[in-house]
Amino acid sequence: MINAAQMREIVTDTLTALGSKYADPKAIDLIYNTGLVESKYVYLKQIKGPARGYFQMEPFTAMDICTNYLQYRDKTLKQTADVCMLDWRFFLEPKEEDWQHILTSNLYAQICMTRMHYRRVPKPLPRTIDEQAVYWKSFYNTHKGKGTPQHFAEIVSKYG
């Protein structure tokens, strides 16, 4: 596993670079804990699946964020591209093979896209680990995923 303090610092610095509204302490905790639960900060590729990066996001999810969220928010798109150190074309003309590579290899993009995914949720950010667990299951792992709120809370309690 990656050093927890260093990973939390990278999450904090990345979200701070996006802007203060993205770097709420509740968001930092949720993003860090999402990566912890999804991969324990060990795995970059889902076994027998399309998800990539420590946050196990699928390329189609990233492409949907680009097409249906960021493309309608010029300032946020530009800031996200800058923080990710990526050309705008990856956000304006998203392609599966590009996002598969980006989500596997670009930690800034993994963090930013996870934050944008949660930003689209029309509910307040959770405060406690138990609230995070339900929020993660409802809006990130969803009913299709194998994760449970109990699993989330156990992993965060054990490794967080």
Protein backbone atom coordinates (compact mmCIF):
# COMPACT_ATOMS: atom_id res chain seq x y z
CA MET A 1 0.00 0.00 0.00
CA ILE A 2 1.13 3.55 -0.69
CA ASN A 3 2.11 5.63 2.33
CA ALA A 4 -1.24 6.87 3.67
CA ALA A 5 -0.01 10.32 4.71
CA GLN A 6 1.56 10.93 1.31
CA MET A 7 -1.56 9.78 -0.53
CA ARG A 8 -3.79 11.98 1.59
CA GLU A 9 -1.44 14.91 0.90
CA ILE A 10 -1.63 14.28 -2.86
CA VAL A 11 -5.45 14.16 -2.67
CA THR A 12 -5.48 17.40 -0.66
CA ASP A 13 -3.05 19.20 -2.97
CA THR A 14 -4.88 18.05 -6.10
CA LEU A 15 -8.30 19.13 -4.84
CA THR A 16 -6.88 22.43 -3.58
CA ALA A 17 -5.46 23.07 -7.05
CA LEU A 18 -8.96 22.53 -8.49
CA GLY A 19 -10.30 25.28 -6.24
CA SER A 20 -11.61 25.80 -2.74
CA LYS A 21 -15.11 24.49 -3.48
CA TYR A 22 -13.57 21.13 -4.43
CA ALA A 23 -11.21 20.92 -1.44
CA ASP A 24 -13.72 20.81 1.39
CA PRO A 25 -12.30 18.59 4.17
CA LYS A 26 -15.33 16.29 3.77
CA ALA A 27 -14.48 15.90 0.07
CA ILE A 28 -10.83 15.18 0.83
CA ASP A 29 -11.83 12.45 3.30
CA LEU A 30 -14.39 10.96 0.91
CA ILE A 31 -12.00 10.90 -2.05
CA TYR A 32 -9.14 9.45 0.00
CA ASN A 33 -11.42 6.79 1.53
CA THR A 34 -12.91 5.93 -1.86
CA GLY A 35 -9.46 5.07 -3.20
CA LEU A 36 -8.66 3.13 -0.04
CA VAL A 37 -11.80 1.01 -0.34
CA GLU A 38 -11.65 0.56 -4.11
CA SER A 39 -8.01 -0.59 -4.31
CA LYS A 40 -6.32 -0.24 -0.91
CA TYR A 41 -3.96 1.92 -2.99
CA VAL A 42 -2.44 -1.24 -4.46
CA TYR A 43 -4.32 -2.10 -7.65
CA LEU A 44 -4.40 -0.04 -10.85
CA LYS A 45 -6.49 -2.44 -12.93
CA GLN A 46 -9.69 -4.22 -12.02
CA ILE A 47 -9.36 -7.98 -12.23
CA LYS A 48 -11.56 -9.09 -15.14
CA GLY A 49 -13.09 -5.65 -15.50
CA PRO A 50 -12.72 -2.25 -17.15
CA ALA A 51 -12.12 -0.11 -14.02
CA ARG A 52 -8.74 1.61 -13.74
CA GLY A 53 -6.64 3.49 -11.24
CA TYR A 54 -6.65 3.48 -7.47
CA PHE A 55 -10.22 4.77 -7.57
CA GLN A 56 -11.32 1.99 -9.96
CA MET A 57 -13.20 4.29 -12.32
CA GLU A 58 -14.35 2.91 -15.65
CA PRO A 59 -13.33 4.82 -18.80
CA PHE A 60 -17.01 5.22 -19.77
CA THR A 61 -17.67 6.96 -16.45
CA ALA A 62 -14.83 9.41 -17.10
CA MET A 63 -16.10 9.98 -20.63
CA ASP A 64 -19.60 10.66 -19.28
CA ILE A 65 -18.18 13.20 -16.82
CA CYS A 66 -16.42 14.92 -19.72
CA THR A 67 -19.40 14.89 -22.07
CA ASN A 68 -22.27 15.57 -19.69
CA TYR A 69 -20.64 17.67 -16.98
CA LEU A 70 -17.30 19.29 -17.78
CA GLN A 71 -18.18 20.31 -21.34
CA TYR A 72 -20.93 22.51 -19.89
CA ARG A 73 -18.54 24.16 -17.43
CA ASP A 74 -15.70 25.82 -19.34
CA LYS A 75 -13.84 27.13 -16.31
CA THR A 76 -14.04 23.80 -14.48
CA LEU A 77 -12.99 21.90 -17.62
CA LYS A 78 -9.95 24.13 -18.08
CA GLN A 79 -8.98 23.93 -14.41
CA THR A 80 -9.39 20.14 -14.39
CA ALA A 81 -7.30 19.75 -17.55
CA ASP A 82 -4.60 21.99 -16.08
CA VAL A 83 -4.47 20.15 -12.76
CA CYS A 84 -4.36 16.81 -14.59
CA MET A 85 -1.66 18.16 -16.92
CA LEU A 86 -3.73 17.02 -19.89
CA ASP A 87 -4.63 18.62 -23.19
CA TRP A 88 -8.23 19.86 -23.37
CA ARG A 89 -8.92 17.48 -26.27
CA PHE A 90 -9.11 14.55 -23.85
CA PHE A 91 -12.09 16.29 -22.22
CA LEU A 92 -13.68 17.73 -25.38
CA GLU A 93 -13.38 14.58 -27.49
CA PRO A 94 -13.10 11.75 -24.94
CA LYS A 95 -12.13 8.34 -26.25
CA GLU A 96 -12.27 5.06 -24.35
CA GLU A 97 -8.68 4.04 -25.10
CA ASP A 98 -7.37 7.44 -24.00
CA TRP A 99 -9.28 7.39 -20.73
CA GLN A 100 -8.29 3.79 -20.07
CA HIS A 101 -4.64 4.90 -20.23
CA ILE A 102 -5.20 8.18 -18.35
CA LEU A 103 -7.06 6.52 -15.48
CA THR A 104 -4.34 3.89 -15.16
CA SER A 105 -1.36 6.22 -15.26
CA ASN A 106 -2.34 9.74 -14.17
CA LEU A 107 -2.96 10.04 -10.43
CA TYR A 108 -4.11 13.66 -10.73
CA ALA A 109 -6.75 12.62 -13.26
CA GLN A 110 -7.89 9.76 -11.04
CA ILE A 111 -8.42 12.17 -8.14
CA CYS A 112 -10.02 14.92 -10.22
CA MET A 113 -12.44 12.63 -12.00
CA THR A 114 -13.45 10.97 -8.74
CA ARG A 115 -14.13 14.43 -7.31
CA MET A 116 -16.15 15.44 -10.38
CA HIS A 117 -18.11 12.20 -10.10
CA TYR A 118 -19.10 13.07 -6.53
CA ARG A 119 -19.62 16.75 -7.44
CA ARG A 120 -22.51 15.72 -9.68
CA VAL A 121 -24.38 14.16 -6.75
CA PRO A 122 -27.21 16.49 -5.66
CA LYS A 123 -26.74 15.67 -1.97
CA PRO A 124 -24.46 17.20 0.68
CA LEU A 125 -21.12 15.53 1.28
CA PRO A 126 -21.16 13.02 4.13
CA ARG A 127 -19.51 13.82 7.46
CA THR A 128 -18.92 10.46 9.17
CA ILE A 129 -17.40 7.21 7.94
CA ASP A 130 -20.79 5.50 8.17
CA GLU A 131 -22.38 8.30 6.12
CA GLN A 132 -19.49 8.08 3.62
CA ALA A 133 -20.08 4.33 3.32
CA VAL A 134 -23.74 4.78 2.36
CA TYR A 135 -22.92 7.71 0.05
CA TRP A 136 -20.14 5.73 -1.68
CA LYS A 137 -22.43 2.72 -2.18
CA SER A 138 -25.30 4.85 -3.44
CA PHE A 139 -23.39 7.11 -5.81
CA TYR A 140 -20.00 5.54 -6.63
CA ASN A 141 -20.12 1.77 -6.28
CA THR A 142 -23.91 1.76 -6.94
CA HIS A 143 -26.29 -1.18 -6.74
CA LYS A 144 -24.35 -2.88 -9.55
CA GLY A 145 -21.11 -3.02 -7.58
CA LYS A 146 -20.11 -5.78 -5.19
CA GLY A 147 -19.15 -3.42 -2.37
CA THR A 148 -21.25 -2.82 0.72
CA PRO A 149 -21.38 0.04 3.21
CA GLN A 150 -20.14 -2.42 5.86
CA HIS A 151 -17.11 -3.29 3.72
CA PHE A 152 -16.36 0.42 3.21
CA ALA A 153 -16.48 1.11 6.95
CA GLU A 154 -14.35 -1.95 7.76
CA ILE A 155 -11.62 -1.03 5.25
CA VAL A 156 -11.51 2.61 6.35
CA SER A 157 -11.39 1.60 10.02
CA LYS A 158 -8.63 -0.95 9.39
CA TYR A 159 -6.40 0.98 6.96
CA GLY A 160 -7.49 4.60 7.15
